[in-house]
C-alpha cells in the first residue's frame, strides 16, 4: 500500500513547481488529490494526466468564498479531507523604501491570508474525518530576513507563527499543523518575480553547504512525510529543506 493510501489531499498552487511535484508524489503514494490553482489550463492538464483519483478546482487563495467551494468539491468528490498543503505563493523583489503598498498587500493577501483561509476552511471537515495534517509552506525567509524581500519575508514569518497557533488549538481534534521551509528551489517563481529573466544561481549556491539549488521533488518528499502517518507525533514544528542555507550566518560573500 502507498504511504497515503485512503487519504484525500487538497494542494494549492498545484499547477506547476512545488505544488505539481507534490501532487504527483501524493497521487503515486495512493492519495486522492484535489489540485487547486488559478492557472486553469496547466492545472486541468495535470489532473487529467494523474488519473481518476485527481480533480482540478480553480482557487484564488485570497478569496474565502472560493475556499469554501474548493473544500466542498474535495469532500463531495472524494468523501473526506485529510491533508491540506498550503503551497500557493508569490514573490516580489523590491527595496523597502521603494515597495508600493499595493505590491506589499498583494503578497500578504496571497501568501499569508491565503494560508489563514486555508487552515480555517479545513477545521470542520478534518474534525469530521477524525483528524488530518495541514502543511503550510513557509520559507527560509520565514526563519531569517533577506534584502529586497520585505513583503515575502513578512508573509512567511506570519505563516510560521500561525502554524504554531493552529497546532496548539487543533491538536485535541487530531489535526497536526506544521510549517515547511524550502530554501532556493528551481521553480519558475523566482524568474517570474524577476520579470521572466533567467536567474543566475551561481553566487547563491556558493553559500550553500550542498553547493546547488534544490528541486521541487525534494520538497515534495518532505511534504509527503508530513502528510503521512509517519509524522504522527509532529505538530507545530518547522521542517527545513534548504541545502544548508540556515546553517551559517549572513556575512556577504
C-alpha atoms as a PDB file:
ATOM      1  CA  UNK A   1       0.000   0.000   0.000  1.00  0.00           C
ATOM      2  CA  UNK A   2       1.094   3.585  -0.654  1.00  0.00           C
ATOM      3  CA  UNK A   3       2.112   5.861   2.167  1.00  0.00           C
ATOM      4  CA  UNK A   4      -1.028   7.991   1.633  1.00  0.00           C
ATOM      5  CA  UNK A   5      -3.466   5.214   0.770  1.00  0.00           C
ATOM      6  CA  UNK A   6      -7.019   6.209   1.693  1.00  0.00           C
ATOM      7  CA  UNK A   7      -6.182   9.877   2.275  1.00  0.00           C
ATOM      8  CA  UNK A   8      -7.637  12.879   0.458  1.00  0.00           C
ATOM      9  CA  UNK A   9      -5.414  15.912  -0.084  1.00  0.00           C
ATOM     10  CA  UNK A  10      -6.040  19.456  -1.264  1.00  0.00           C
ATOM     11  CA  UNK A  11      -2.959  21.156  -2.720  1.00  0.00           C
ATOM     12  CA  UNK A  12      -2.877  24.845  -3.603  1.00  0.00           C
ATOM     13  CA  UNK A  13      -0.582  26.232  -6.270  1.00  0.00           C
ATOM     14  CA  UNK A  14      -0.707  22.729  -7.723  1.00  0.00           C
ATOM     15  CA  UNK A  15      -0.439  23.532 -11.422  1.00  0.00           C
ATOM     16  CA  UNK A  16       3.352  23.772 -11.512  1.00  0.00           C
ATOM     17  CA  UNK A  17       6.547  23.879  -9.453  1.00  0.00           C
ATOM     18  CA  UNK A  18       6.499  22.547  -5.905  1.00  0.00           C
ATOM     19  CA  UNK A  19       2.733  22.091  -5.939  1.00  0.00           C
ATOM     20  CA  UNK A  20       2.758  19.973  -9.082  1.00  0.00           C
ATOM     21  CA  UNK A  21       5.632  17.861  -7.753  1.00  0.00           C
ATOM     22  CA  UNK A  22       3.706  17.254  -4.535  1.00  0.00           C
ATOM     23  CA  UNK A  23       0.531  16.376  -6.450  1.00  0.00           C
ATOM     24  CA  UNK A  24       2.428  13.768  -8.459  1.00  0.00           C
ATOM     25  CA  UNK A  25       4.057  12.287  -5.377  1.00  0.00           C
ATOM     26  CA  UNK A  26       0.868  12.215  -3.332  1.00  0.00           C
ATOM     27  CA  UNK A  27      -1.012  10.506  -6.168  1.00  0.00           C
ATOM     28  CA  UNK A  28       1.796   7.973  -6.602  1.00  0.00           C
ATOM     29  CA  UNK A  29       1.523   7.149  -2.900  1.00  0.00           C
ATOM     30  CA  UNK A  30      -2.202   6.425  -3.086  1.00  0.00           C
ATOM     31  CA  UNK A  31      -3.886   9.709  -2.163  1.00  0.00           C
ATOM     32  CA  UNK A  32      -6.881  11.204  -3.901  1.00  0.00           C
ATOM     33  CA  UNK A  33      -5.858  14.766  -4.743  1.00  0.00           C
ATOM     34  CA  UNK A  34      -7.735  17.972  -5.492  1.00  0.00           C
ATOM     35  CA  UNK A  35      -5.390  20.249  -7.409  1.00  0.00           C
ATOM     36  CA  UNK A  36      -6.202  23.916  -6.810  1.00  0.00           C
ATOM     37  CA  UNK A  37      -4.742  26.872  -8.693  1.00  0.00           C
ATOM     38  CA  UNK A  38      -5.598  29.906 -10.806  1.00  0.00           C
ATOM     39  CA  UNK A  39      -3.636  28.506 -13.766  1.00  0.00           C
ATOM     40  CA  UNK A  40      -6.576  26.525 -15.074  1.00  0.00           C
ATOM     41  CA  UNK A  41      -5.075  25.158 -18.265  1.00  0.00           C
ATOM     42  CA  UNK A  42      -1.986  23.705 -16.596  1.00  0.00           C
ATOM     43  CA  UNK A  43      -3.936  22.510 -13.572  1.00  0.00           C
ATOM     44  CA  UNK A  44      -6.573  20.685 -15.605  1.00  0.00           C
ATOM     45  CA  UNK A  45      -3.909  19.077 -17.789  1.00  0.00           C
ATOM     46  CA  UNK A  46      -2.025  17.767 -14.754  1.00  0.00           C
ATOM     47  CA  UNK A  47      -5.204  16.420 -13.151  1.00  0.00           C
ATOM     48  CA  UNK A  48      -6.056  14.557 -16.350  1.00  0.00           C
ATOM     49  CA  UNK A  49      -2.526  13.163 -16.539  1.00  0.00           C
ATOM     50  CA  UNK A  50      -2.628  11.890 -12.956  1.00  0.00           C
ATOM     51  CA  UNK A  51      -5.860   9.967 -13.465  1.00  0.00           C
ATOM     52  CA  UNK A  52      -9.252   9.303 -11.926  1.00  0.00           C
ATOM     53  CA  UNK A  53      -8.196   9.880  -8.319  1.00  0.00           C
ATOM     54  CA  UNK A  54      -7.385  13.525  -9.022  1.00  0.00           C
ATOM     55  CA  UNK A  55      -9.505  16.531  -9.894  1.00  0.00           C
ATOM     56  CA  UNK A  56      -8.910  20.228 -10.537  1.00  0.00           C
ATOM     57  CA  UNK A  57     -10.568  23.257  -8.958  1.00  0.00           C
ATOM     58  CA  UNK A  58     -10.000  26.932  -9.709  1.00  0.00           C
ATOM     59  CA  UNK A  59      -8.988  28.616  -6.465  1.00  0.00           C
ATOM     60  CA  UNK A  60      -7.882  32.156  -5.712  1.00  0.00           C
ATOM     61  CA  UNK A  61      -6.496  31.502  -2.233  1.00  0.00           C
ATOM     62  CA  UNK A  62      -7.195  35.075  -1.125  1.00  0.00           C
ATOM     63  CA  UNK A  63     -10.960  34.599  -1.639  1.00  0.00           C
ATOM     64  CA  UNK A  64     -12.818  32.965   1.266  1.00  0.00           C
ATOM     65  CA  UNK A  65     -15.837  32.023  -0.869  1.00  0.00           C
ATOM     66  CA  UNK A  66     -13.589  30.183  -3.313  1.00  0.00           C
ATOM     67  CA  UNK A  67     -12.009  28.324  -0.400  1.00  0.00           C
ATOM     68  CA  UNK A  68     -15.439  27.136   0.720  1.00  0.00           C
ATOM     69  CA  UNK A  69     -16.154  25.919  -2.800  1.00  0.00           C
ATOM     70  CA  UNK A  70     -12.815  24.092  -3.078  1.00  0.00           C
ATOM     71  CA  UNK A  71     -13.232  22.268   0.230  1.00  0.00           C
ATOM     72  CA  UNK A  72     -16.794  21.324  -0.700  1.00  0.00           C
ATOM     73  CA  UNK A  73     -15.506  19.977  -4.025  1.00  0.00           C
ATOM     74  CA  UNK A  74     -12.871  17.833  -2.290  1.00  0.00           C
ATOM     75  CA  UNK A  75     -15.349  16.339   0.163  1.00  0.00           C
ATOM     76  CA  UNK A  76     -18.088  15.761  -2.409  1.00  0.00           C
ATOM     77  CA  UNK A  77     -15.668  14.255  -4.940  1.00  0.00           C
ATOM     78  CA  UNK A  78     -13.651  12.037  -2.613  1.00  0.00           C
ATOM     79  CA  UNK A  79     -15.766  11.705   0.543  1.00  0.00           C
ATOM     80  CA  UNK A  80     -13.478  13.316   3.107  1.00  0.00           C
ATOM     81  CA  UNK A  81     -10.453  15.600   3.550  1.00  0.00           C
ATOM     82  CA  UNK A  82      -7.325  14.563   5.466  1.00  0.00           C
ATOM     83  CA  UNK A  83      -4.475  16.700   4.130  1.00  0.00           C
ATOM     84  CA  UNK A  84      -4.068  20.367   3.195  1.00  0.00           C
ATOM     85  CA  UNK A  85      -0.862  21.550   1.554  1.00  0.00           C
ATOM     86  CA  UNK A  86      -0.938  25.354   1.630  1.00  0.00           C
ATOM     87  CA  UNK A  87       1.615  25.813  -1.127  1.00  0.00           C
ATOM     88  CA  UNK A  88       0.372  28.744  -3.236  1.00  0.00           C
ATOM     89  CA  UNK A  89       2.538  31.834  -3.043  1.00  0.00           C
ATOM     90  CA  UNK A  90       4.100  34.759  -4.861  1.00  0.00           C
ATOM     91  CA  UNK A  91       7.429  36.545  -4.621  1.00  0.00           C
ATOM     92  CA  UNK A  92       8.146  40.259  -5.017  1.00  0.00           C
ATOM     93  CA  UNK A  93      11.599  41.859  -5.152  1.00  0.00           C
ATOM     94  CA  UNK A  94      11.826  45.478  -4.015  1.00  0.00           C
ATOM     95  CA  UNK A  95      13.856  47.672  -1.661  1.00  0.00           C
ATOM     96  CA  UNK A  96      11.925  48.653   1.445  1.00  0.00           C
ATOM     97  CA  UNK A  97      11.899  52.346   0.505  1.00  0.00           C
ATOM     98  CA  UNK A  98      10.580  51.579  -2.972  1.00  0.00           C
ATOM     99  CA  UNK A  99       7.972  48.976  -2.091  1.00  0.00           C
ATOM    100  CA  UNK A 100       4.491  50.085  -3.108  1.00  0.00           C
ATOM    101  CA  UNK A 101       1.667  49.398  -0.694  1.00  0.00           C
ATOM    102  CA  UNK A 102      -0.286  47.627  -3.426  1.00  0.00           C
ATOM    103  CA  UNK A 103       2.595  45.208  -4.061  1.00  0.00           C
ATOM    104  CA  UNK A 104       3.060  44.572  -0.341  1.00  0.00           C
ATOM    105  CA  UNK A 105      -0.640  43.914   0.146  1.00  0.00           C
ATOM    106  CA  UNK A 106      -0.779  41.578  -2.865  1.00  0.00           C
ATOM    107  CA  UNK A 107       1.950  39.359  -1.401  1.00  0.00           C
ATOM    108  CA  UNK A 108       0.364  39.369   2.058  1.00  0.00           C
ATOM    109  CA  UNK A 109      -3.087  38.611   0.656  1.00  0.00           C
ATOM    110  CA  UNK A 110      -1.933  35.580  -1.336  1.00  0.00           C
ATOM    111  CA  UNK A 111       0.759  34.159   0.931  1.00  0.00           C
ATOM    112  CA  UNK A 112      -0.456  34.995   4.425  1.00  0.00           C
ATOM    113  CA  UNK A 113      -4.214  35.472   4.108  1.00  0.00           C
ATOM    114  CA  UNK A 114      -4.374  32.508   1.733  1.00  0.00           C
ATOM    115  CA  UNK A 115      -2.757  30.224   4.311  1.00  0.00           C
ATOM    116  CA  UNK A 116      -5.051  31.536   7.047  1.00  0.00           C
ATOM    117  CA  UNK A 117      -8.182  30.964   4.969  1.00  0.00           C
ATOM    118  CA  UNK A 118      -6.983  27.503   4.013  1.00  0.00           C
ATOM    119  CA  UNK A 119      -6.391  26.441   7.595  1.00  0.00           C
ATOM    120  CA  UNK A 120      -9.708  27.877   8.722  1.00  0.00           C
ATOM    121  CA  UNK A 121     -11.569  26.169   5.884  1.00  0.00           C
ATOM    122  CA  UNK A 122     -10.410  22.655   6.764  1.00  0.00           C
ATOM    123  CA  UNK A 123     -11.020  22.682  10.521  1.00  0.00           C
ATOM    124  CA  UNK A 124     -14.523  21.269  10.298  1.00  0.00           C
ATOM    125  CA  UNK A 125     -14.005  18.654   7.550  1.00  0.00           C
ATOM    126  CA  UNK A 126     -10.820  17.386   9.204  1.00  0.00           C
ATOM    127  CA  UNK A 127     -12.565  17.260  12.562  1.00  0.00           C
ATOM    128  CA  UNK A 128     -15.329  15.213  10.963  1.00  0.00           C
ATOM    129  CA  UNK A 129     -12.686  12.949   9.418  1.00  0.00           C
ATOM    130  CA  UNK A 130     -11.173  12.308  12.843  1.00  0.00           C
ATOM    131  CA  UNK A 131      -8.034  14.358  12.213  1.00  0.00           C
ATOM    132  CA  UNK A 132      -5.665  15.385   9.500  1.00  0.00           C
ATOM    133  CA  UNK A 133      -2.445  17.113   8.530  1.00  0.00           C
ATOM    134  CA  UNK A 134      -2.017  20.734   7.481  1.00  0.00           C
ATOM    135  CA  UNK A 135       1.290  21.618   5.841  1.00  0.00           C
ATOM    136  CA  UNK A 136       1.961  25.327   5.476  1.00  0.00           C
ATOM    137  CA  UNK A 137       4.733  26.174   3.040  1.00  0.00           C
ATOM    138  CA  UNK A 138       6.772  28.967   4.578  1.00  0.00           C
ATOM    139  CA  UNK A 139      10.395  29.531   3.521  1.00  0.00           C
ATOM    140  CA  UNK A 140      13.873  30.077   4.874  1.00  0.00           C
ATOM    141  CA  UNK A 141      12.666  33.706   4.712  1.00  0.00           C
ATOM    142  CA  UNK A 142      10.255  32.657   7.451  1.00  0.00           C
ATOM    143  CA  UNK A 143      13.295  31.979   9.645  1.00  0.00           C
ATOM    144  CA  UNK A 144      15.533  34.928   8.768  1.00  0.00           C
ATOM    145  CA  UNK A 145      15.388  38.016   6.595  1.00  0.00           C
ATOM    146  CA  UNK A 146      16.723  38.667   3.118  1.00  0.00           C
ATOM    147  CA  UNK A 147      17.254  42.039   1.432  1.00  0.00           C
ATOM    148  CA  UNK A 148      14.664  43.135  -1.171  1.00  0.00           C
ATOM    149  CA  UNK A 149      12.045  40.701   0.170  1.00  0.00           C
ATOM    150  CA  UNK A 150      10.234  42.689   2.864  1.00  0.00           C
ATOM    151  CA  UNK A 151       6.716  41.624   1.833  1.00  0.00           C
ATOM    152  CA  UNK A 152       7.635  37.995   1.161  1.00  0.00           C
ATOM    153  CA  UNK A 153       9.585  37.699   4.419  1.00  0.00           C
ATOM    154  CA  UNK A 154       6.738  39.242   6.409  1.00  0.00           C
ATOM    155  CA  UNK A 155       4.267  36.786   4.914  1.00  0.00           C
ATOM    156  CA  UNK A 156       6.477  33.762   5.534  1.00  0.00           C
ATOM    157  CA  UNK A 157       7.195  34.730   9.152  1.00  0.00           C
ATOM    158  CA  UNK A 158       3.422  35.076   9.618  1.00  0.00           C
ATOM    159  CA  UNK A 159       2.840  31.583   8.231  1.00  0.00           C
ATOM    160  CA  UNK A 160       5.393  30.208  10.676  1.00  0.00           C
ATOM    161  CA  UNK A 161       3.614  31.860  13.596  1.00  0.00           C
ATOM    162  CA  UNK A 162       0.081  30.952  12.506  1.00  0.00           C
ATOM    163  CA  UNK A 163       1.186  27.353  12.168  1.00  0.00           C
ATOM    164  CA  UNK A 164       2.101  27.198  15.843  1.00  0.00           C
ATOM    165  CA  UNK A 165      -1.163  28.779  16.970  1.00  0.00           C
ATOM    166  CA  UNK A 166      -3.182  26.375  14.837  1.00  0.00           C
ATOM    167  CA  UNK A 167      -1.208  23.390  16.116  1.00  0.00           C
ATOM    168  CA  UNK A 168      -1.985  24.370  19.711  1.00  0.00           C
ATOM    169  CA  UNK A 169      -5.665  24.927  19.029  1.00  0.00           C
ATOM    170  CA  UNK A 170      -6.313  21.878  16.853  1.00  0.00           C
ATOM    171  CA  UNK A 171      -4.243  19.156  18.485  1.00  0.00           C
ATOM    172  CA  UNK A 172      -7.152  17.813  20.514  1.00  0.00           C
ATOM    173  CA  UNK A 173      -9.052  17.314  17.255  1.00  0.00           C
ATOM    174  CA  UNK A 174      -6.279  15.134  15.879  1.00  0.00           C
ATOM    175  CA  UNK A 175      -5.245  17.818  13.399  1.00  0.00           C
ATOM    176  CA  UNK A 176      -1.494  18.321  13.071  1.00  0.00           C
ATOM    177  CA  UNK A 177      -0.131  21.588  11.658  1.00  0.00           C
ATOM    178  CA  UNK A 178       3.496  22.047  10.590  1.00  0.00           C
ATOM    179  CA  UNK A 179       5.446  24.545   8.516  1.00  0.00           C
ATOM    180  CA  UNK A 180       7.751  23.580   5.669  1.00  0.00           C
ATOM    181  CA  UNK A 181      10.696  25.878   4.930  1.00  0.00           C
ATOM    182  CA  UNK A 182      12.285  25.453   1.498  1.00  0.00           C
ATOM    183  CA  UNK A 183      15.429  27.275   0.527  1.00  0.00           C
ATOM    184  CA  UNK A 184      16.344  28.153  -3.057  1.00  0.00           C
ATOM    185  CA  UNK A 185      14.320  25.760  -5.221  1.00  0.00           C
ATOM    186  CA  UNK A 186      14.482  25.577  -9.005  1.00  0.00           C
ATOM    187  CA  UNK A 187      10.976  26.732  -9.925  1.00  0.00           C
ATOM    188  CA  UNK A 188       9.571  29.472 -12.115  1.00  0.00           C
ATOM    189  CA  UNK A 189       8.511  31.629  -9.126  1.00  0.00           C
ATOM    190  CA  UNK A 190      11.901  33.347  -8.897  1.00  0.00           C
ATOM    191  CA  UNK A 191      12.152  34.058 -12.621  1.00  0.00           C
ATOM    192  CA  UNK A 192       8.536  35.258 -12.675  1.00  0.00           C
ATOM    193  CA  UNK A 193       9.301  37.725  -9.889  1.00  0.00           C
ATOM    194  CA  UNK A 194      12.367  38.850 -11.837  1.00  0.00           C
ATOM    195  CA  UNK A 195      10.181  39.726 -14.809  1.00  0.00           C
ATOM    196  CA  UNK A 196      10.807  36.488 -16.679  1.00  0.00           C
ATOM    197  CA  UNK A 197      14.565  36.967 -16.711  1.00  0.00           C
ATOM    198  CA  UNK A 198      16.868  33.975 -16.446  1.00  0.00           C
ATOM    199  CA  UNK A 199      18.176  33.670 -12.901  1.00  0.00           C
ATOM    200  CA  UNK A 200      21.885  33.208 -12.197  1.00  0.00           C
ATOM    201  CA  UNK A 201      22.128  30.989  -9.122  1.00  0.00           C
ATOM    202  CA  UNK A 202      25.927  30.754  -9.099  1.00  0.00           C
ATOM    203  CA  UNK A 203      26.504  33.404  -6.421  1.00  0.00           C
ATOM    204  CA  UNK A 204      23.782  31.946  -4.225  1.00  0.00           C
ATOM    205  CA  UNK A 205      24.893  28.323  -4.350  1.00  0.00           C
ATOM    206  CA  UNK A 206      28.407  29.253  -3.231  1.00  0.00           C
ATOM    207  CA  UNK A 207      26.893  29.891   0.204  1.00  0.00           C
ATOM    208  CA  UNK A 208      25.070  26.575   0.375  1.00  0.00           C
ATOM    209  CA  UNK A 209      26.623  23.538   2.052  1.00  0.00           C
ATOM    210  CA  UNK A 210      25.339  21.292  -0.740  1.00  0.00           C
ATOM    211  CA  UNK A 211      26.501  23.695  -3.451  1.00  0.00           C
ATOM    212  CA  UNK A 212      23.333  23.532  -5.557  1.00  0.00           C
ATOM    213  CA  UNK A 213      19.744  24.689  -5.731  1.00  0.00           C
ATOM    214  CA  UNK A 214      17.026  22.270  -4.705  1.00  0.00           C
ATOM    215  CA  UNK A 215      14.471  20.542  -6.887  1.00  0.00           C
ATOM    216  CA  UNK A 216      10.667  20.596  -6.405  1.00  0.00           C
ATOM    217  CA  UNK A 217      10.669  16.829  -5.975  1.00  0.00           C
ATOM    218  CA  UNK A 218      12.868  17.177  -2.890  1.00  0.00           C
ATOM    219  CA  UNK A 219      10.304  19.449  -1.248  1.00  0.00           C
ATOM    220  CA  UNK A 220       7.539  17.053  -2.295  1.00  0.00           C
ATOM    221  CA  UNK A 221       9.292  14.248  -0.420  1.00  0.00           C
ATOM    222  CA  UNK A 222       9.267  16.258   2.795  1.00  0.00           C
ATOM    223  CA  UNK A 223       5.624  17.229   2.257  1.00  0.00           C
ATOM    224  CA  UNK A 224       4.821  13.548   1.765  1.00  0.00           C
ATOM    225  CA  UNK A 225       6.345  12.709   5.146  1.00  0.00           C
ATOM    226  CA  UNK A 226       4.289  15.421   6.846  1.00  0.00           C
ATOM    227  CA  UNK A 227       1.101  14.310   5.075  1.00  0.00           C
ATOM    228  CA  UNK A 228       1.589  10.686   6.069  1.00  0.00           C
ATOM    229  CA  UNK A 229       1.080   8.943   9.397  1.00  0.00           C
ATOM    230  CA  UNK A 230       4.868   8.631   9.625  1.00  0.00           C
ATOM    231  CA  UNK A 231       4.858  12.146  11.118  1.00  0.00           C
ATOM    232  CA  UNK A 232       2.080  11.347  13.597  1.00  0.00           C
ATOM    233  CA  UNK A 233       3.915  12.932  16.564  1.00  0.00           C
ATOM    234  CA  UNK A 234       4.949  16.085  14.695  1.00  0.00           C
ATOM    235  CA  UNK A 235       2.956  19.288  15.113  1.00  0.00           C
ATOM    236  CA  UNK A 236       3.744  22.971  15.498  1.00  0.00           C
ATOM    237  CA  UNK A 237       7.216  22.318  14.114  1.00  0.00           C
ATOM    238  CA  UNK A 238       9.446  23.747  11.397  1.00  0.00           C
ATOM    239  CA  UNK A 239      10.830  21.412   8.734  1.00  0.00           C
ATOM    240  CA  UNK A 240      13.686  22.900   6.737  1.00  0.00           C
ATOM    241  CA  UNK A 241      14.968  21.786   3.328  1.00  0.00           C
ATOM    242  CA  UNK A 242      17.447  24.448   2.271  1.00  0.00           C
ATOM    243  CA  UNK A 243      20.739  22.831   1.247  1.00  0.00           C
ATOM    244  CA  UNK A 244      22.340  24.248   4.390  1.00  0.00           C
ATOM    245  CA  UNK A 245      21.359  27.897   3.881  1.00  0.00           C
ATOM    246  CA  UNK A 246      20.360  28.379   7.521  1.00  0.00           C
ATOM    247  CA  UNK A 247      23.440  26.593   8.862  1.00  0.00           C
ATOM    248  CA  UNK A 248      25.522  29.757   8.502  1.00  0.00           C
ATOM    249  CA  UNK A 249      25.317  33.442   9.403  1.00  0.00           C
ATOM    250  CA  UNK A 250      24.591  36.255   6.995  1.00  0.00           C
ATOM    251  CA  UNK A 251      28.030  37.662   6.137  1.00  0.00           C
ATOM    252  CA  UNK A 252      28.036  38.548   2.454  1.00  0.00           C
ATOM    253  CA  UNK A 253      30.397  36.829   0.036  1.00  0.00           C
END
